[in-house]
Each structure stands twice: as C-alpha cells, then as structure tokens.
Amino acid sequence: MTVESGQIAVVLTETSAAASLADVLLGLAIPDKGTVWAGDRDVTGLPPGRRGVALVPAGGGLLPHLTVERNVQYAGGDASRWMRRLRLEGIGRLRPHEISPVQRLQVALARALSTEPAAVVFEDRARHVPCRTAVTEARRHAAVLVIADSETRGAAFDEVVRPEVTADAP
C-alpha cells in the first residue's frame, strides 16, 4: 500500500490488527514481512522518533495535567507555528478537559505536525470519527492514513484498504 503526500487512505480492519498496524508504522513493533517507508526513505529499522511518522490517537491522547500549549510543545517541534496555523492560540492556557473533543483532536494534530512528519496516522479504534477539518489540514502537509474498524468510514478517502488477516495468535 502506498499513500503519497496529500493523499488520505483508510485501512478498515479489526481492532487488534489496527493496533498492530499502528505499532509497526510508528516503530513500536517490527513487521514480519515488508518495509515501512516515510517519504523517500525506508524507516523500517529506525526508532520511533526518527521515522517521520506521527500519531493522532483516537480522542487526541492529550496529557491531562498539561496545558494545550504544553501538549503541543511535548513533541519538541515548533509548537507556536502549529498553534497559529490550526487557530489554537486562544486556548493555549487551558487543559484538555476544558476544551471540546474537536479541539482536543486539533491539539493532537498540532502536536503531530510540529514534528514535520512525512506521514500522519489517525487512529479510529474507539469509533471516533476523525474531525474532517483535522484530516483535511493534515493532508496539506503529509500523507494521511486513517486506521478504522468501521466499514461506514471508507467512502470519503482516496484509497480504502481491507487487509486480509493471514494469521491470528493470542
């Protein structure tokens, strides 16, 4: 499967397979076969921080004890730039529980994009529909892969993949 910069693709799969795919893409697990490319380089053997692949977890995955601004800074990239680009400046001093679910997703996207990734992975394990604005914004800067477990979500994407599970283990 290839997802070019500016494209959005969705992988529709079972929840356990979605977790495994995300782990392989992010460098938290080694694939049994194949390679992972980000941009024009093979990143299969690289550690997570050097892959150029960023994650927007279902629900945002924000750290509740940090402000919005600190959550974006946590990734180590240019937080202020991405806070401006995603129009988050007015909520920088708030904590995640003080903002809406859509804003939490935007904050998670700002954190992901601040690392200048070649690809952004959106998790949709908990049946959260990724904010259309967040996915569209991510598409302007990177390849976007949405990992989902619902057949109803595939229609709006450039490519839909339904992988075949060839083995399953406890």
C-alpha atoms as a PDB file:
ATOM      1  CA  MET A   1       0.000   0.000   0.000  1.00  0.00           C
ATOM      2  CA  THR A   2       1.304   3.456  -0.882  1.00  0.00           C
ATOM      3  CA  VAL A   3      -0.071   6.743   0.418  1.00  0.00           C
ATOM      4  CA  GLU A   4       1.508   9.795  -1.189  1.00  0.00           C
ATOM      5  CA  SER A   5       1.839  13.201   0.450  1.00  0.00           C
ATOM      6  CA  GLY A   6      -1.501  14.958   0.122  1.00  0.00           C
ATOM      7  CA  GLN A   7      -3.489  11.717  -0.027  1.00  0.00           C
ATOM      8  CA  ILE A   8      -5.803  10.264   2.588  1.00  0.00           C
ATOM      9  CA  ALA A   9      -6.200   6.498   2.832  1.00  0.00           C
ATOM     10  CA  VAL A  10      -8.129   4.399   5.299  1.00  0.00           C
ATOM     11  CA  VAL A  11      -7.386   0.874   6.467  1.00  0.00           C
ATOM     12  CA  LEU A  12     -10.531  -0.907   7.645  1.00  0.00           C
ATOM     13  CA  THR A  13      -9.635  -3.761   9.949  1.00  0.00           C
ATOM     14  CA  GLU A  14     -10.286  -5.448  13.263  1.00  0.00           C
ATOM     15  CA  THR A  15      -9.295  -3.542  16.393  1.00  0.00           C
ATOM     16  CA  SER A  16      -6.364  -5.837  17.269  1.00  0.00           C
ATOM     17  CA  ALA A  17      -4.982  -5.638  13.725  1.00  0.00           C
ATOM     18  CA  ALA A  18      -5.381  -1.846  13.789  1.00  0.00           C
ATOM     19  CA  ALA A  19      -3.269  -1.681  16.943  1.00  0.00           C
ATOM     20  CA  SER A  20      -0.600  -3.883  15.356  1.00  0.00           C
ATOM     21  CA  LEU A  21      -0.516  -1.807  12.166  1.00  0.00           C
ATOM     22  CA  ALA A  22      -0.173   1.438  14.104  1.00  0.00           C
ATOM     23  CA  ASP A  23       2.644  -0.079  16.182  1.00  0.00           C
ATOM     24  CA  VAL A  24       4.535  -1.158  13.034  1.00  0.00           C
ATOM     25  CA  LEU A  25       4.111   2.219  11.317  1.00  0.00           C
ATOM     26  CA  LEU A  26       5.255   4.099  14.414  1.00  0.00           C
ATOM     27  CA  GLY A  27       8.248   1.827  15.047  1.00  0.00           C
ATOM     28  CA  LEU A  28       6.906   0.213  18.215  1.00  0.00           C
ATOM     29  CA  ALA A  29       6.874  -3.226  16.554  1.00  0.00           C
ATOM     30  CA  ILE A  30       8.879  -4.876  13.775  1.00  0.00           C
ATOM     31  CA  PRO A  31       6.941  -6.185  10.762  1.00  0.00           C
ATOM     32  CA  ASP A  32       7.170  -9.902   9.979  1.00  0.00           C
ATOM     33  CA  LYS A  33       7.403  -9.060   6.269  1.00  0.00           C
ATOM     34  CA  GLY A  34       7.710  -5.931   4.186  1.00  0.00           C
ATOM     35  CA  THR A  35       9.077  -2.480   4.856  1.00  0.00           C
ATOM     36  CA  VAL A  36       7.810   0.883   6.061  1.00  0.00           C
ATOM     37  CA  TRP A  37       8.681   3.957   4.026  1.00  0.00           C
ATOM     38  CA  ALA A  38       8.164   7.588   5.044  1.00  0.00           C
ATOM     39  CA  GLY A  39       8.756   9.997   2.223  1.00  0.00           C
ATOM     40  CA  ASP A  40      11.571   8.600   0.119  1.00  0.00           C
ATOM     41  CA  ARG A  41      13.332   6.557   2.804  1.00  0.00           C
ATOM     42  CA  ASP A  42      12.993   3.110   4.306  1.00  0.00           C
ATOM     43  CA  VAL A  43      12.350   3.660   8.025  1.00  0.00           C
ATOM     44  CA  THR A  44      11.705   0.034   8.986  1.00  0.00           C
ATOM     45  CA  GLY A  45      14.765  -0.233  11.233  1.00  0.00           C
ATOM     46  CA  LEU A  46      14.635   3.278  12.673  1.00  0.00           C
ATOM     47  CA  PRO A  47      13.440   4.092  16.201  1.00  0.00           C
ATOM     48  CA  PRO A  48      10.061   5.853  16.562  1.00  0.00           C
ATOM     49  CA  GLY A  49      11.449   9.382  16.938  1.00  0.00           C
ATOM     50  CA  ARG A  50      13.437   9.205  13.687  1.00  0.00           C
ATOM     51  CA  ARG A  51      10.797   7.735  11.380  1.00  0.00           C
ATOM     52  CA  GLY A  52       8.926  10.823  10.246  1.00  0.00           C
ATOM     53  CA  VAL A  53       5.604   9.210  11.164  1.00  0.00           C
ATOM     54  CA  ALA A  54       3.350  10.943  13.696  1.00  0.00           C
ATOM     55  CA  LEU A  55       0.274   9.685  15.529  1.00  0.00           C
ATOM     56  CA  VAL A  56      -3.062  11.337  16.272  1.00  0.00           C
ATOM     57  CA  PRO A  57      -4.636   8.880  18.725  1.00  0.00           C
ATOM     58  CA  ALA A  58      -8.379   8.347  18.975  1.00  0.00           C
ATOM     59  CA  GLY A  59      -9.689  11.042  21.287  1.00  0.00           C
ATOM     60  CA  GLY A  60      -6.462  13.043  20.969  1.00  0.00           C
ATOM     61  CA  GLY A  61      -4.357  11.317  23.620  1.00  0.00           C
ATOM     62  CA  LEU A  62      -3.551  14.586  25.367  1.00  0.00           C
ATOM     63  CA  LEU A  63      -1.778  14.695  28.715  1.00  0.00           C
ATOM     64  CA  PRO A  64      -4.431  15.953  31.166  1.00  0.00           C
ATOM     65  CA  HIS A  65      -2.027  17.690  33.555  1.00  0.00           C
ATOM     66  CA  LEU A  66      -0.520  19.858  30.791  1.00  0.00           C
ATOM     67  CA  THR A  67      -1.992  22.930  29.130  1.00  0.00           C
ATOM     68  CA  VAL A  68      -2.895  22.824  25.456  1.00  0.00           C
ATOM     69  CA  GLU A  69       0.297  24.726  24.617  1.00  0.00           C
ATOM     70  CA  ARG A  70       2.462  22.326  26.651  1.00  0.00           C
ATOM     71  CA  ASN A  71       0.773  19.344  24.991  1.00  0.00           C
ATOM     72  CA  VAL A  72       1.788  20.696  21.581  1.00  0.00           C
ATOM     73  CA  GLN A  73       5.305  21.516  22.831  1.00  0.00           C
ATOM     74  CA  TYR A  74       5.659  17.973  24.190  1.00  0.00           C
ATOM     75  CA  ALA A  75       6.582  16.667  20.726  1.00  0.00           C
ATOM     76  CA  GLY A  76       9.557  19.020  20.615  1.00  0.00           C
ATOM     77  CA  GLY A  77       8.684  20.750  17.350  1.00  0.00           C
ATOM     78  CA  ASP A  78       7.648  24.309  16.512  1.00  0.00           C
ATOM     79  CA  ALA A  79       4.563  24.462  18.744  1.00  0.00           C
ATOM     80  CA  SER A  80       3.741  28.152  18.297  1.00  0.00           C
ATOM     81  CA  ARG A  81       3.715  27.856  14.496  1.00  0.00           C
ATOM     82  CA  TRP A  82       1.262  24.970  14.540  1.00  0.00           C
ATOM     83  CA  MET A  83      -0.898  26.552  17.242  1.00  0.00           C
ATOM     84  CA  ARG A  84      -1.266  29.578  14.929  1.00  0.00           C
ATOM     85  CA  ARG A  85      -1.866  27.515  11.777  1.00  0.00           C
ATOM     86  CA  LEU A  86      -4.607  25.486  13.447  1.00  0.00           C
ATOM     87  CA  ARG A  87      -6.072  28.551  15.192  1.00  0.00           C
ATOM     88  CA  LEU A  88      -5.444  27.284  18.716  1.00  0.00           C
ATOM     89  CA  GLU A  89      -3.789  30.395  20.199  1.00  0.00           C
ATOM     90  CA  GLY A  90      -6.843  31.357  22.259  1.00  0.00           C
ATOM     91  CA  ILE A  91      -6.933  28.053  24.143  1.00  0.00           C
ATOM     92  CA  GLY A  92      -3.225  27.606  24.868  1.00  0.00           C
ATOM     93  CA  ARG A  93      -3.564  28.050  28.637  1.00  0.00           C
ATOM     94  CA  LEU A  94      -6.495  25.655  29.014  1.00  0.00           C
ATOM     95  CA  ARG A  95      -6.229  21.994  29.982  1.00  0.00           C
ATOM     96  CA  PRO A  96      -7.666  19.187  27.825  1.00  0.00           C
ATOM     97  CA  HIS A  97     -10.795  18.739  29.966  1.00  0.00           C
ATOM     98  CA  GLU A  98     -11.660  22.413  29.361  1.00  0.00           C
ATOM     99  CA  ILE A  99     -11.852  22.142  25.565  1.00  0.00           C
ATOM    100  CA  SER A 100     -14.174  20.323  23.173  1.00  0.00           C
ATOM    101  CA  PRO A 101     -13.438  16.883  21.674  1.00  0.00           C
ATOM    102  CA  VAL A 102     -12.903  18.520  18.265  1.00  0.00           C
ATOM    103  CA  GLN A 103     -10.401  20.964  19.794  1.00  0.00           C
ATOM    104  CA  ARG A 104      -8.597  18.067  21.504  1.00  0.00           C
ATOM    105  CA  LEU A 105      -8.184  16.402  18.120  1.00  0.00           C
ATOM    106  CA  GLN A 106      -6.876  19.670  16.637  1.00  0.00           C
ATOM    107  CA  VAL A 107      -4.360  19.959  19.502  1.00  0.00           C
ATOM    108  CA  ALA A 108      -3.214  16.379  18.900  1.00  0.00           C
ATOM    109  CA  LEU A 109      -2.816  17.205  15.202  1.00  0.00           C
ATOM    110  CA  ALA A 110      -0.785  20.333  16.019  1.00  0.00           C
ATOM    111  CA  ARG A 111       1.463  18.191  18.218  1.00  0.00           C
ATOM    112  CA  ALA A 112       1.859  15.626  15.420  1.00  0.00           C
ATOM    113  CA  LEU A 113       2.513  18.186  12.664  1.00  0.00           C
ATOM    114  CA  SER A 114       5.012  20.116  14.786  1.00  0.00           C
ATOM    115  CA  THR A 115       7.467  17.272  14.163  1.00  0.00           C
ATOM    116  CA  GLU A 116       7.229  17.865  10.365  1.00  0.00           C
ATOM    117  CA  PRO A 117       6.315  14.222   9.609  1.00  0.00           C
ATOM    118  CA  ALA A 118       6.138  12.626   6.172  1.00  0.00           C
ATOM    119  CA  ALA A 119       3.015  10.757   7.314  1.00  0.00           C
ATOM    120  CA  VAL A 120       0.309  11.189   9.947  1.00  0.00           C
ATOM    121  CA  VAL A 121      -1.582   8.185  11.309  1.00  0.00           C
ATOM    122  CA  PHE A 122      -5.061   8.812  12.744  1.00  0.00           C
ATOM    123  CA  GLU A 123      -6.374   6.057  14.997  1.00  0.00           C
ATOM    124  CA  ASP A 124     -10.084   5.406  14.912  1.00  0.00           C
ATOM    125  CA  ARG A 125     -10.157   2.377  17.237  1.00  0.00           C
ATOM    126  CA  ALA A 126     -12.774   3.704  19.641  1.00  0.00           C
ATOM    127  CA  ARG A 127     -15.190   4.561  16.815  1.00  0.00           C
ATOM    128  CA  HIS A 128     -14.414   8.272  16.999  1.00  0.00           C
ATOM    129  CA  VAL A 129     -14.878   9.871  13.604  1.00  0.00           C
ATOM    130  CA  PRO A 130     -11.695  11.870  12.970  1.00  0.00           C
ATOM    131  CA  CYS A 131     -12.546  15.528  12.607  1.00  0.00           C
ATOM    132  CA  ARG A 132     -12.856  16.259   8.891  1.00  0.00           C
ATOM    133  CA  THR A 133     -11.043  19.569   9.433  1.00  0.00           C
ATOM    134  CA  ALA A 134      -8.124  17.834  11.168  1.00  0.00           C
ATOM    135  CA  VAL A 135      -7.744  15.209   8.453  1.00  0.00           C
ATOM    136  CA  THR A 136      -8.019  17.844   5.719  1.00  0.00           C
ATOM    137  CA  GLU A 137      -5.391  20.026   7.415  1.00  0.00           C
ATOM    138  CA  ALA A 138      -3.048  17.061   7.842  1.00  0.00           C
ATOM    139  CA  ARG A 139      -3.440  16.242   4.139  1.00  0.00           C
ATOM    140  CA  ARG A 140      -1.896  19.615   3.245  1.00  0.00           C
ATOM    141  CA  HIS A 141       1.356  18.669   4.963  1.00  0.00           C
ATOM    142  CA  ALA A 142       1.786  14.897   4.820  1.00  0.00           C
ATOM    143  CA  ALA A 143       0.399  11.577   3.709  1.00  0.00           C
ATOM    144  CA  VAL A 144      -2.545  10.632   5.936  1.00  0.00           C
ATOM    145  CA  LEU A 145      -3.521   7.129   6.967  1.00  0.00           C
ATOM    146  CA  VAL A 146      -6.670   6.548   8.997  1.00  0.00           C
ATOM    147  CA  ILE A 147      -6.844   3.189  10.758  1.00  0.00           C
ATOM    148  CA  ALA A 148     -10.507   2.397  11.374  1.00  0.00           C
ATOM    149  CA  ASP A 149     -12.685  -0.528  12.354  1.00  0.00           C
ATOM    150  CA  SER A 150     -15.948   0.565  10.751  1.00  0.00           C
ATOM    151  CA  GLU A 151     -16.999  -0.096   7.155  1.00  0.00           C
ATOM    152  CA  THR A 152     -19.011   3.137   7.092  1.00  0.00           C
ATOM    153  CA  ARG A 153     -15.955   5.376   7.143  1.00  0.00           C
ATOM    154  CA  GLY A 154     -14.244   4.419   3.897  1.00  0.00           C
ATOM    155  CA  ALA A 155     -16.260   6.427   1.397  1.00  0.00           C
ATOM    156  CA  ALA A 156     -14.553   9.815   1.879  1.00  0.00           C
ATOM    157  CA  PHE A 157     -10.943   8.748   1.362  1.00  0.00           C
ATOM    158  CA  ASP A 158      -8.617   8.471  -1.653  1.00  0.00           C
ATOM    159  CA  GLU A 159      -7.904   4.799  -1.012  1.00  0.00           C
ATOM    160  CA  VAL A 160      -9.623   2.172   1.115  1.00  0.00           C
ATOM    161  CA  VAL A 161      -7.756  -0.994   2.100  1.00  0.00           C
ATOM    162  CA  ARG A 162      -9.321  -4.044   3.723  1.00  0.00           C
ATOM    163  CA  PRO A 163      -6.350  -6.233   4.622  1.00  0.00           C
ATOM    164  CA  GLU A 164      -6.730  -9.988   4.812  1.00  0.00           C
ATOM    165  CA  VAL A 165      -5.747 -11.466   8.159  1.00  0.00           C
ATOM    166  CA  THR A 166      -3.491 -14.432   7.415  1.00  0.00           C
ATOM    167  CA  ALA A 167      -2.673 -15.445  10.985  1.00  0.00           C
ATOM    168  CA  ASP A 168      -4.012 -14.744  14.422  1.00  0.00           C
ATOM    169  CA  ALA A 169      -2.353 -15.533  17.719  1.00  0.00           C
ATOM    170  CA  PRO A 170      -3.254 -14.899  21.357  1.00  0.00           C
END
